Amino acid sequence: MARILITEDEDSLRIFVARALRLDGHETVEAADGAQGLDTLSEGGFDLLLSDIRMPVMDGIELAHRAAKAHPHLKILLMTGYAEQRERADDLAGKIVDVVAKPFSLPDIRTAVARALAA
């Protein structure tokens, strides 16, 4: 299965997503903001970055740009509950797999991750 970095500033959502993906057999590593996520990515060995867009310190757009540059084969899936943030992700075409709208159900995020990994 995949090694997935989940970068999300909302603790309850990060824990919920990590637990769901571990039930699917994935290994998950968690970060509370983009800067922490970028540091964690430097450890290497990740198959997917699953990141919120709107976060303190470094947002998911900046994280995705930096992650794509440093790790060109890394698959990136973003999440957001804000329509304007989804539009900001348009400049990442070719670098990200998709943007998942919040709120999402457990089956929604599991399906999105499976599609991202298969892409």
C-alpha atoms as a PDB file:
ATOM      1  CA  MET A   1       0.000   0.000   0.000  1.00  0.00           C
ATOM      2  CA  ALA A   2       0.978   3.668  -0.115  1.00  0.00           C
ATOM      3  CA  ARG A   3       2.808   5.971   2.274  1.00  0.00           C
ATOM      4  CA  ILE A   4       0.693   9.122   2.567  1.00  0.00           C
ATOM      5  CA  LEU A   5       1.463  12.486   4.167  1.00  0.00           C
ATOM      6  CA  ILE A   6      -1.698  14.184   5.454  1.00  0.00           C
ATOM      7  CA  THR A   7      -1.270  17.922   6.010  1.00  0.00           C
ATOM      8  CA  GLU A   8      -4.321  19.434   7.701  1.00  0.00           C
ATOM      9  CA  ASP A   9      -4.529  22.050  10.468  1.00  0.00           C
ATOM     10  CA  GLU A  10      -7.856  20.805  11.868  1.00  0.00           C
ATOM     11  CA  ASP A  11      -6.874  18.029  14.283  1.00  0.00           C
ATOM     12  CA  SER A  12     -10.159  16.112  14.206  1.00  0.00           C
ATOM     13  CA  LEU A  13     -10.269  15.994  10.401  1.00  0.00           C
ATOM     14  CA  ARG A  14      -6.599  15.005  10.136  1.00  0.00           C
ATOM     15  CA  ILE A  15      -7.128  12.154  12.601  1.00  0.00           C
ATOM     16  CA  PHE A  16     -10.348  11.058  10.858  1.00  0.00           C
ATOM     17  CA  VAL A  17      -8.678  10.914   7.426  1.00  0.00           C
ATOM     18  CA  ALA A  18      -5.551   9.194   8.744  1.00  0.00           C
ATOM     19  CA  ARG A  19      -7.609   6.538  10.508  1.00  0.00           C
ATOM     20  CA  ALA A  20      -9.699   5.872   7.387  1.00  0.00           C
ATOM     21  CA  LEU A  21      -6.646   5.520   5.164  1.00  0.00           C
ATOM     22  CA  ARG A  22      -4.883   3.229   7.642  1.00  0.00           C
ATOM     23  CA  LEU A  23      -7.970   0.985   7.563  1.00  0.00           C
ATOM     24  CA  ASP A  24      -7.343   0.697   3.820  1.00  0.00           C
ATOM     25  CA  GLY A  25      -3.818  -0.509   4.580  1.00  0.00           C
ATOM     26  CA  HIS A  26      -1.915   2.709   3.904  1.00  0.00           C
ATOM     27  CA  GLU A  27       0.827   4.093   6.097  1.00  0.00           C
ATOM     28  CA  THR A  28       0.031   7.653   7.147  1.00  0.00           C
ATOM     29  CA  VAL A  29       2.186  10.443   8.496  1.00  0.00           C
ATOM     30  CA  GLU A  30       0.563  13.640   9.710  1.00  0.00           C
ATOM     31  CA  ALA A  31       1.508  17.325   9.736  1.00  0.00           C
ATOM     32  CA  ALA A  32      -0.451  20.252  11.201  1.00  0.00           C
ATOM     33  CA  ASP A  33       0.573  22.917   8.660  1.00  0.00           C
ATOM     34  CA  GLY A  34       2.337  23.337   5.336  1.00  0.00           C
ATOM     35  CA  ALA A  35       5.744  24.169   6.776  1.00  0.00           C
ATOM     36  CA  GLN A  36       5.706  21.057   8.942  1.00  0.00           C
ATOM     37  CA  GLY A  37       4.482  19.096   5.929  1.00  0.00           C
ATOM     38  CA  LEU A  38       7.351  20.346   3.778  1.00  0.00           C
ATOM     39  CA  ASP A  39       9.862  19.358   6.457  1.00  0.00           C
ATOM     40  CA  THR A  40       8.267  15.916   6.722  1.00  0.00           C
ATOM     41  CA  LEU A  41       8.366  15.430   2.942  1.00  0.00           C
ATOM     42  CA  SER A  42      12.141  15.843   3.049  1.00  0.00           C
ATOM     43  CA  GLU A  43      12.290  12.452   4.811  1.00  0.00           C
ATOM     44  CA  GLY A  44      11.309  10.966   1.437  1.00  0.00           C
ATOM     45  CA  GLY A  45       9.465   7.796   0.589  1.00  0.00           C
ATOM     46  CA  PHE A  46       5.994   9.303   0.203  1.00  0.00           C
ATOM     47  CA  ASP A  47       3.617   8.210  -2.553  1.00  0.00           C
ATOM     48  CA  LEU A  48       0.946  10.852  -1.968  1.00  0.00           C
ATOM     49  CA  LEU A  49       0.594  14.262  -0.360  1.00  0.00           C
ATOM     50  CA  LEU A  50      -2.971  14.882   0.822  1.00  0.00           C
ATOM     51  CA  SER A  51      -3.178  18.497   1.942  1.00  0.00           C
ATOM     52  CA  ASP A  52      -5.712  21.082   2.964  1.00  0.00           C
ATOM     53  CA  ILE A  53      -5.377  24.331   1.023  1.00  0.00           C
ATOM     54  CA  ARG A  54      -6.196  26.820   3.772  1.00  0.00           C
ATOM     55  CA  MET A  55      -3.717  26.450   6.655  1.00  0.00           C
ATOM     56  CA  PRO A  56      -1.569  28.721   8.819  1.00  0.00           C
ATOM     57  CA  VAL A  57       2.184  29.172   8.361  1.00  0.00           C
ATOM     58  CA  MET A  58       2.245  27.829   4.764  1.00  0.00           C
ATOM     59  CA  ASP A  59      -0.916  27.106   2.809  1.00  0.00           C
ATOM     60  CA  GLY A  60      -1.495  24.030   0.688  1.00  0.00           C
ATOM     61  CA  ILE A  61      -0.967  25.890  -2.604  1.00  0.00           C
ATOM     62  CA  GLU A  62       2.562  26.908  -1.622  1.00  0.00           C
ATOM     63  CA  LEU A  63       3.198  23.456  -0.187  1.00  0.00           C
ATOM     64  CA  ALA A  64       2.040  21.823  -3.430  1.00  0.00           C
ATOM     65  CA  HIS A  65       4.310  24.057  -5.533  1.00  0.00           C
ATOM     66  CA  ARG A  66       7.336  23.318  -3.358  1.00  0.00           C
ATOM     67  CA  ALA A  67       6.536  19.613  -3.059  1.00  0.00           C
ATOM     68  CA  ALA A  68       6.111  19.233  -6.829  1.00  0.00           C
ATOM     69  CA  LYS A  69       9.443  20.963  -7.440  1.00  0.00           C
ATOM     70  CA  ALA A  70      11.366  18.918  -4.855  1.00  0.00           C
ATOM     71  CA  HIS A  71       9.561  15.615  -5.504  1.00  0.00           C
ATOM     72  CA  PRO A  72       8.391  15.584  -9.147  1.00  0.00           C
ATOM     73  CA  HIS A  73       6.961  12.050  -8.975  1.00  0.00           C
ATOM     74  CA  LEU A  74       4.923  12.698  -5.819  1.00  0.00           C
ATOM     75  CA  LYS A  75       1.160  12.589  -6.354  1.00  0.00           C
ATOM     76  CA  ILE A  76      -0.660  15.529  -4.781  1.00  0.00           C
ATOM     77  CA  LEU A  77      -4.316  15.675  -3.766  1.00  0.00           C
ATOM     78  CA  LEU A  78      -5.708  18.854  -2.202  1.00  0.00           C
ATOM     79  CA  MET A  79      -8.760  19.393   0.021  1.00  0.00           C
ATOM     80  CA  THR A  80     -10.755  22.556   0.653  1.00  0.00           C
ATOM     81  CA  GLY A  81     -14.065  23.782   1.928  1.00  0.00           C
ATOM     82  CA  TYR A  82     -13.736  27.143   0.187  1.00  0.00           C
ATOM     83  CA  ALA A  83     -14.677  27.662  -3.467  1.00  0.00           C
ATOM     84  CA  GLU A  84     -12.200  30.523  -3.918  1.00  0.00           C
ATOM     85  CA  GLN A  85      -9.398  28.290  -2.628  1.00  0.00           C
ATOM     86  CA  ARG A  86     -10.332  25.634  -5.175  1.00  0.00           C
ATOM     87  CA  GLU A  87      -9.955  28.246  -7.914  1.00  0.00           C
ATOM     88  CA  ARG A  88      -6.495  29.157  -6.588  1.00  0.00           C
ATOM     89  CA  ALA A  89      -5.453  25.569  -7.227  1.00  0.00           C
ATOM     90  CA  ASP A  90      -6.053  26.022 -10.977  1.00  0.00           C
ATOM     91  CA  ASP A  91      -2.458  27.191 -11.470  1.00  0.00           C
ATOM     92  CA  LEU A  92      -1.321  23.777 -10.221  1.00  0.00           C
ATOM     93  CA  ALA A  93      -2.747  21.901 -13.211  1.00  0.00           C
ATOM     94  CA  GLY A  94      -0.325  19.159 -14.100  1.00  0.00           C
ATOM     95  CA  LYS A  95       1.114  19.122 -10.580  1.00  0.00           C
ATOM     96  CA  ILE A  96      -1.929  17.931  -8.646  1.00  0.00           C
ATOM     97  CA  VAL A  97      -4.305  15.053  -9.261  1.00  0.00           C
ATOM     98  CA  ASP A  98      -7.483  16.722  -7.962  1.00  0.00           C
ATOM     99  CA  VAL A  99      -9.094  18.959  -5.345  1.00  0.00           C
ATOM    100  CA  VAL A 100     -11.560  17.282  -2.976  1.00  0.00           C
ATOM    101  CA  ALA A 101     -14.395  19.471  -1.677  1.00  0.00           C
ATOM    102  CA  LYS A 102     -15.047  19.550   2.067  1.00  0.00           C
ATOM    103  CA  PRO A 103     -17.081  18.365   3.791  1.00  0.00           C
ATOM    104  CA  PHE A 104     -16.591  14.872   2.431  1.00  0.00           C
ATOM    105  CA  SER A 105     -17.682  11.467   3.582  1.00  0.00           C
ATOM    106  CA  LEU A 106     -15.383   8.588   4.434  1.00  0.00           C
ATOM    107  CA  PRO A 107     -16.117   6.814   1.118  1.00  0.00           C
ATOM    108  CA  ASP A 108     -15.469  10.087  -0.775  1.00  0.00           C
ATOM    109  CA  ILE A 109     -11.949  10.570   0.595  1.00  0.00           C
ATOM    110  CA  ARG A 110     -11.068   6.893   0.269  1.00  0.00           C
ATOM    111  CA  THR A 111     -12.179   6.925  -3.379  1.00  0.00           C
ATOM    112  CA  ALA A 112     -10.310  10.181  -4.089  1.00  0.00           C
ATOM    113  CA  VAL A 113      -7.105   8.756  -2.589  1.00  0.00           C
ATOM    114  CA  ALA A 114      -7.464   5.499  -4.541  1.00  0.00           C
ATOM    115  CA  ARG A 115      -7.946   7.469  -7.786  1.00  0.00           C
ATOM    116  CA  ALA A 116      -4.976   9.713  -7.011  1.00  0.00           C
ATOM    117  CA  LEU A 117      -2.720   6.739  -6.364  1.00  0.00           C
ATOM    118  CA  ALA A 118      -3.865   5.055  -9.573  1.00  0.00           C
ATOM    119  CA  ALA A 119      -3.268   8.180 -11.682  1.00  0.00           C
END
